[in-house]
Amino acid sequence: MDKVFIEGLQVEALIGIYDWERRIRQPLVFDVEMGFDNRIPAASDAIEDTLNYKAVSKRIIAYVGESDFGLVETLAERVAALILEEFGVAHVRLKLGKPGAVRGARSVGVMIERSAAMVAP
């Protein structure tokens, strides 16, 4: 399967379980890999046939900017489901990093993989 990716997408979000985290916006970094058959857009050379990574990025930014979750695990699940449902991809691999959350580590977070067959009806 072909892949379309977004790497290092930075979004400010209200996320965390501690009181101080609930009062500030923190940077999150998303790496997203999406399974998509690129043969049709390659043949047509038409943007409307592609998985438009700009549209996916803007949707992630909007969703995360309005979200208010305690856990990165919850946010990762919701973003993966959104991509599967709204953009019709077969598979998504998502890495969500929270830079600076742990002293001495550049980033911490989660990596998940979901497929269209896994999305609840």
Foldseek 3Di string as FASTA:
>chain_A
DDKDKDFFQKEWAQEADDPVSNVGTAIKTKIKIFADDCPVCVVVVDPVPDQDVVVLSVVLRVVRHPDHYHALVVVVVVSQLCCCPVRVTFKMWMWMWGAPPDPPDRTDTDIDMDGNVRHDD
